């Protein structure tokens, strides 16, 4: 599965109503660590059918970033049944991100 771009318009349907756990990457195009993390996020999306992998551009979706209390990026959140069950700040190795999904 490919990475879904999340906006205010599709947030409820794609994230809150998801039957699968959701990994959200809050990022910005100008952010170096975010660009370093992007290939890892893409790999996880390609490898894991049991997880919905999403990205939120904080410059375009400031309301969503504020809703999650994102103060710095990259910020990763895992939601299950619409509830945050794990979160992480900064670029992380793939193994640590996968651990968040367990």
N, C-alpha and C. Protein backbone atom coordinates (compact mmCIF):
# COMPACT_ATOMS: atom_id res chain seq x y z
N UNK A 1 0.85 -1.18 0.00
CA UNK A 1 0.00 0.00 0.00
C UNK A 1 0.90 1.25 0.00
N UNK A 2 0.43 2.29 -0.62
CA UNK A 2 1.22 3.51 -0.65
C UNK A 2 0.85 4.40 0.53
N UNK A 3 1.69 5.41 0.74
CA UNK A 3 1.47 6.35 1.83
C UNK A 3 0.31 7.28 1.45
N UNK A 4 -0.62 7.46 2.38
CA UNK A 4 -1.77 8.34 2.16
C UNK A 4 -1.45 9.75 2.65
N UNK A 5 -1.82 10.73 1.87
CA UNK A 5 -1.67 12.12 2.30
C UNK A 5 -2.95 12.50 3.06
N UNK A 6 -2.78 12.90 4.30
CA UNK A 6 -3.93 13.23 5.14
C UNK A 6 -4.14 14.74 5.19
N UNK A 7 -5.40 15.13 5.03
CA UNK A 7 -5.81 16.53 5.13
C UNK A 7 -6.95 16.61 6.14
N UNK A 8 -7.32 17.81 6.47
CA UNK A 8 -8.47 18.02 7.36
C UNK A 8 -9.71 17.34 6.79
N UNK A 9 -9.83 17.34 5.47
CA UNK A 9 -11.02 16.80 4.80
C UNK A 9 -11.12 15.28 4.91
N UNK A 10 -9.99 14.56 4.82
CA UNK A 10 -10.07 13.09 4.83
C UNK A 10 -9.62 12.47 6.15
N UNK A 11 -9.28 13.30 7.14
CA UNK A 11 -8.76 12.80 8.42
C UNK A 11 -9.73 11.85 9.12
N UNK A 12 -10.97 12.24 9.22
CA UNK A 12 -11.95 11.40 9.92
C UNK A 12 -12.10 10.03 9.26
N UNK A 13 -12.28 10.02 7.95
CA UNK A 13 -12.50 8.76 7.22
C UNK A 13 -11.26 7.88 7.22
N UNK A 14 -10.09 8.47 6.97
CA UNK A 14 -8.88 7.67 6.80
C UNK A 14 -8.20 7.31 8.12
N UNK A 15 -8.31 8.16 9.12
CA UNK A 15 -7.59 7.92 10.38
C UNK A 15 -8.53 7.48 11.49
N UNK A 16 -9.47 8.32 11.85
CA UNK A 16 -10.33 8.01 13.00
C UNK A 16 -11.22 6.80 12.77
N UNK A 17 -11.66 6.59 11.54
CA UNK A 17 -12.56 5.47 11.24
C UNK A 17 -11.84 4.24 10.72
N UNK A 18 -10.53 4.26 10.70
CA UNK A 18 -9.75 3.15 10.16
C UNK A 18 -9.91 1.89 11.00
N UNK A 19 -10.08 0.77 10.32
CA UNK A 19 -10.15 -0.53 10.99
C UNK A 19 -8.74 -1.04 11.34
N UNK A 20 -7.74 -0.50 10.65
CA UNK A 20 -6.35 -0.90 10.87
C UNK A 20 -5.66 0.13 11.76
N UNK A 21 -4.56 -0.25 12.42
CA UNK A 21 -3.74 0.75 13.09
C UNK A 21 -3.23 1.75 12.05
N UNK A 22 -3.04 2.99 12.48
CA UNK A 22 -2.61 4.06 11.57
C UNK A 22 -1.31 4.66 12.07
N UNK A 23 -0.29 4.70 11.20
CA UNK A 23 0.96 5.39 11.48
C UNK A 23 0.91 6.73 10.76
N UNK A 24 1.03 7.83 11.50
CA UNK A 24 1.01 9.16 10.90
C UNK A 24 2.38 9.80 11.07
N UNK A 25 2.93 10.29 9.96
CA UNK A 25 4.19 11.02 9.95
C UNK A 25 3.87 12.49 9.71
N UNK A 26 4.07 13.33 10.73
CA UNK A 26 3.94 14.78 10.58
C UNK A 26 5.28 15.31 10.09
N UNK A 27 5.28 15.99 8.95
CA UNK A 27 6.53 16.40 8.29
C UNK A 27 6.36 17.75 7.60
N UNK A 28 7.48 18.25 7.07
CA UNK A 28 7.47 19.41 6.17
C UNK A 28 8.51 19.17 5.09
N UNK A 29 8.26 19.69 3.91
CA UNK A 29 9.18 19.49 2.78
C UNK A 29 10.57 20.05 3.03
N UNK A 30 10.66 21.12 3.81
CA UNK A 30 11.94 21.79 4.06
C UNK A 30 12.75 21.13 5.19
N UNK A 31 12.19 20.17 5.87
CA UNK A 31 12.80 19.56 7.05
C UNK A 31 13.77 18.44 6.66
N UNK A 32 15.05 18.62 6.97
CA UNK A 32 16.08 17.62 6.65
C UNK A 32 15.81 16.26 7.27
N UNK A 33 15.59 16.17 8.58
CA UNK A 33 15.30 14.87 9.19
C UNK A 33 14.03 14.22 8.62
N UNK A 34 13.06 15.04 8.23
CA UNK A 34 11.84 14.50 7.62
C UNK A 34 12.17 13.83 6.28
N UNK A 35 13.04 14.47 5.50
CA UNK A 35 13.44 13.90 4.21
C UNK A 35 14.24 12.62 4.42
N UNK A 36 15.05 12.56 5.48
CA UNK A 36 15.80 11.34 5.79
C UNK A 36 14.85 10.20 6.16
N UNK A 37 13.77 10.51 6.84
CA UNK A 37 12.83 9.51 7.31
C UNK A 37 11.89 9.02 6.20
N UNK A 38 11.66 9.83 5.20
CA UNK A 38 10.66 9.53 4.16
C UNK A 38 10.84 8.16 3.50
N UNK A 39 12.05 7.74 3.10
CA UNK A 39 12.18 6.41 2.48
C UNK A 39 11.80 5.28 3.43
N UNK A 40 12.06 5.45 4.72
CA UNK A 40 11.69 4.43 5.70
C UNK A 40 10.17 4.33 5.81
N UNK A 41 9.50 5.47 5.83
CA UNK A 41 8.04 5.49 5.90
C UNK A 41 7.46 4.82 4.65
N UNK A 42 8.04 5.11 3.49
CA UNK A 42 7.58 4.49 2.24
C UNK A 42 7.77 2.97 2.28
N UNK A 43 8.91 2.50 2.82
CA UNK A 43 9.17 1.06 2.94
C UNK A 43 8.14 0.38 3.82
N UNK A 44 7.85 0.99 4.96
CA UNK A 44 6.87 0.41 5.87
C UNK A 44 5.51 0.32 5.19
N UNK A 45 5.14 1.36 4.46
CA UNK A 45 3.85 1.35 3.75
C UNK A 45 3.81 0.22 2.73
N UNK A 46 4.92 -0.02 2.04
CA UNK A 46 4.97 -1.06 1.02
C UNK A 46 4.96 -2.47 1.62
N UNK A 47 5.54 -2.61 2.81
CA UNK A 47 5.71 -3.92 3.42
C UNK A 47 4.56 -4.35 4.33
N UNK A 48 3.83 -3.42 4.89
CA UNK A 48 2.84 -3.75 5.92
C UNK A 48 1.42 -3.49 5.44
N UNK A 49 0.71 -4.55 5.10
CA UNK A 49 -0.70 -4.43 4.70
C UNK A 49 -1.61 -4.27 5.90
N UNK A 50 -1.11 -4.59 7.09
CA UNK A 50 -1.94 -4.55 8.29
C UNK A 50 -1.96 -3.18 8.95
N UNK A 51 -1.26 -2.21 8.35
CA UNK A 51 -1.16 -0.87 8.91
C UNK A 51 -1.44 0.15 7.81
N UNK A 52 -2.16 1.20 8.14
CA UNK A 52 -2.37 2.32 7.22
C UNK A 52 -1.29 3.35 7.53
N UNK A 53 -0.49 3.70 6.52
CA UNK A 53 0.61 4.65 6.71
C UNK A 53 0.23 5.97 6.05
N UNK A 54 0.32 7.05 6.84
CA UNK A 54 -0.14 8.36 6.40
C UNK A 54 0.91 9.43 6.67
N UNK A 55 0.81 10.51 5.91
CA UNK A 55 1.68 11.68 6.12
C UNK A 55 0.81 12.92 6.22
N UNK A 56 1.22 13.83 7.10
CA UNK A 56 0.54 15.12 7.24
C UNK A 56 1.60 16.21 7.09
N UNK A 57 1.42 17.06 6.08
CA UNK A 57 2.32 18.19 5.87
C UNK A 57 1.90 19.30 6.84
N UNK A 58 2.76 19.60 7.82
CA UNK A 58 2.39 20.57 8.86
C UNK A 58 2.21 21.98 8.31
N UNK A 59 2.89 22.30 7.21
CA UNK A 59 2.73 23.63 6.61
C UNK A 59 1.36 23.79 5.97
N UNK A 60 0.81 22.70 5.43
CA UNK A 60 -0.49 22.74 4.76
C UNK A 60 -1.64 22.42 5.72
N UNK A 61 -1.35 21.66 6.78
CA UNK A 61 -2.40 21.18 7.68
C UNK A 61 -2.09 21.58 9.13
N UNK A 62 -1.96 22.87 9.36
CA UNK A 62 -1.63 23.38 10.68
C UNK A 62 -2.63 22.99 11.76
N UNK A 63 -3.91 22.90 11.39
CA UNK A 63 -4.93 22.53 12.37
C UNK A 63 -4.74 21.10 12.87
N UNK A 64 -4.37 20.19 11.96
CA UNK A 64 -4.12 18.81 12.38
C UNK A 64 -2.88 18.72 13.26
N UNK A 65 -1.84 19.47 12.88
CA UNK A 65 -0.62 19.48 13.70
C UNK A 65 -0.94 19.99 15.10
N UNK A 66 -1.73 21.03 15.19
CA UNK A 66 -2.11 21.58 16.49
C UNK A 66 -2.96 20.59 17.28
N UNK A 67 -3.83 19.90 16.61
CA UNK A 67 -4.70 18.91 17.26
C UNK A 67 -3.88 17.82 17.96
N UNK A 68 -2.74 17.46 17.36
CA UNK A 68 -1.86 16.44 17.92
C UNK A 68 -0.77 17.03 18.80
N UNK A 69 -0.74 18.36 18.92
CA UNK A 69 0.27 19.00 19.75
C UNK A 69 1.67 18.90 19.19
N UNK A 70 1.77 18.85 17.86
CA UNK A 70 3.07 18.73 17.21
C UNK A 70 3.83 20.04 17.34
N UNK A 71 4.96 19.99 18.04
CA UNK A 71 5.79 21.18 18.25
C UNK A 71 7.08 21.12 17.43
N UNK A 72 7.52 19.92 17.07
CA UNK A 72 8.68 19.77 16.20
C UNK A 72 8.48 18.54 15.32
N UNK A 73 9.22 18.51 14.23
CA UNK A 73 9.05 17.45 13.25
C UNK A 73 10.39 16.81 12.93
N UNK A 74 10.40 15.58 12.45
CA UNK A 74 9.25 14.72 12.26
C UNK A 74 8.67 14.22 13.59
N UNK A 75 7.36 14.08 13.62
CA UNK A 75 6.66 13.47 14.74
C UNK A 75 5.84 12.31 14.21
N UNK A 76 5.96 11.17 14.87
CA UNK A 76 5.23 9.98 14.46
C UNK A 76 4.20 9.62 15.53
N UNK A 77 3.02 9.24 15.08
CA UNK A 77 1.95 8.81 15.98
C UNK A 77 1.38 7.51 15.45
N UNK A 78 1.03 6.62 16.37
CA UNK A 78 0.30 5.41 16.01
C UNK A 78 -1.07 5.50 16.69
N UNK A 79 -2.12 5.33 15.90
CA UNK A 79 -3.49 5.35 16.43
C UNK A 79 -4.14 4.00 16.18
N UNK A 80 -4.88 3.55 17.19
CA UNK A 80 -5.71 2.36 17.05
C UNK A 80 -7.09 2.74 17.54
N UNK A 81 -8.09 2.46 16.72
CA UNK A 81 -9.47 2.82 17.03
C UNK A 81 -9.61 4.30 17.37
N UNK A 82 -8.86 5.14 16.64
CA UNK A 82 -8.95 6.58 16.82
C UNK A 82 -8.21 7.13 18.03
N UNK A 83 -7.52 6.28 18.79
CA UNK A 83 -6.80 6.70 19.99
C UNK A 83 -5.29 6.59 19.77
N UNK A 84 -4.54 7.58 20.27
CA UNK A 84 -3.08 7.54 20.18
C UNK A 84 -2.56 6.47 21.14
N UNK A 85 -1.81 5.50 20.61
CA UNK A 85 -1.25 4.44 21.44
C UNK A 85 0.27 4.51 21.52
N UNK A 86 0.89 5.28 20.61
CA UNK A 86 2.34 5.45 20.64
C UNK A 86 2.69 6.72 19.90
N UNK A 87 3.79 7.35 20.32
CA UNK A 87 4.28 8.52 19.60
C UNK A 87 5.78 8.64 19.76
N UNK A 88 6.39 9.31 18.80
CA UNK A 88 7.85 9.42 18.77
C UNK A 88 8.22 10.73 18.10
N UNK A 89 9.28 11.32 18.58
CA UNK A 89 9.76 12.60 18.04
C UNK A 89 11.11 12.39 17.39
N UNK A 90 11.29 12.95 16.20
CA UNK A 90 12.57 12.87 15.51
C UNK A 90 12.66 11.66 14.59
N UNK A 91 13.67 11.69 13.72
CA UNK A 91 13.90 10.58 12.81
C UNK A 91 14.38 9.38 13.60
N UNK A 92 13.77 8.23 13.33
CA UNK A 92 14.09 7.00 14.05
C UNK A 92 14.45 5.90 13.05
N UNK A 93 15.24 4.92 13.49
CA UNK A 93 15.50 3.77 12.62
C UNK A 93 14.22 2.97 12.39
N UNK A 94 14.19 2.28 11.29
CA UNK A 94 13.01 1.51 10.91
C UNK A 94 12.59 0.55 12.04
N UNK A 95 13.54 -0.12 12.67
CA UNK A 95 13.22 -1.08 13.72
C UNK A 95 12.44 -0.43 14.86
N UNK A 96 12.81 0.78 15.22
CA UNK A 96 12.10 1.48 16.31
C UNK A 96 10.69 1.86 15.89
N UNK A 97 10.51 2.24 14.64
CA UNK A 97 9.17 2.58 14.15
C UNK A 97 8.30 1.33 14.13
N UNK A 98 8.86 0.22 13.66
CA UNK A 98 8.10 -1.04 13.63
C UNK A 98 7.72 -1.47 15.04
N UNK A 99 8.59 -1.22 16.00
CA UNK A 99 8.31 -1.56 17.39
C UNK A 99 7.08 -0.79 17.90
N UNK A 100 6.93 0.45 17.45
CA UNK A 100 5.77 1.26 17.83
C UNK A 100 4.46 0.62 17.36
N UNK A 101 4.53 -0.14 16.28
CA UNK A 101 3.34 -0.72 15.68
C UNK A 101 2.91 -2.02 16.34
N UNK A 102 3.74 -2.56 17.20
CA UNK A 102 3.42 -3.85 17.87
C UNK A 102 2.54 -3.65 19.07
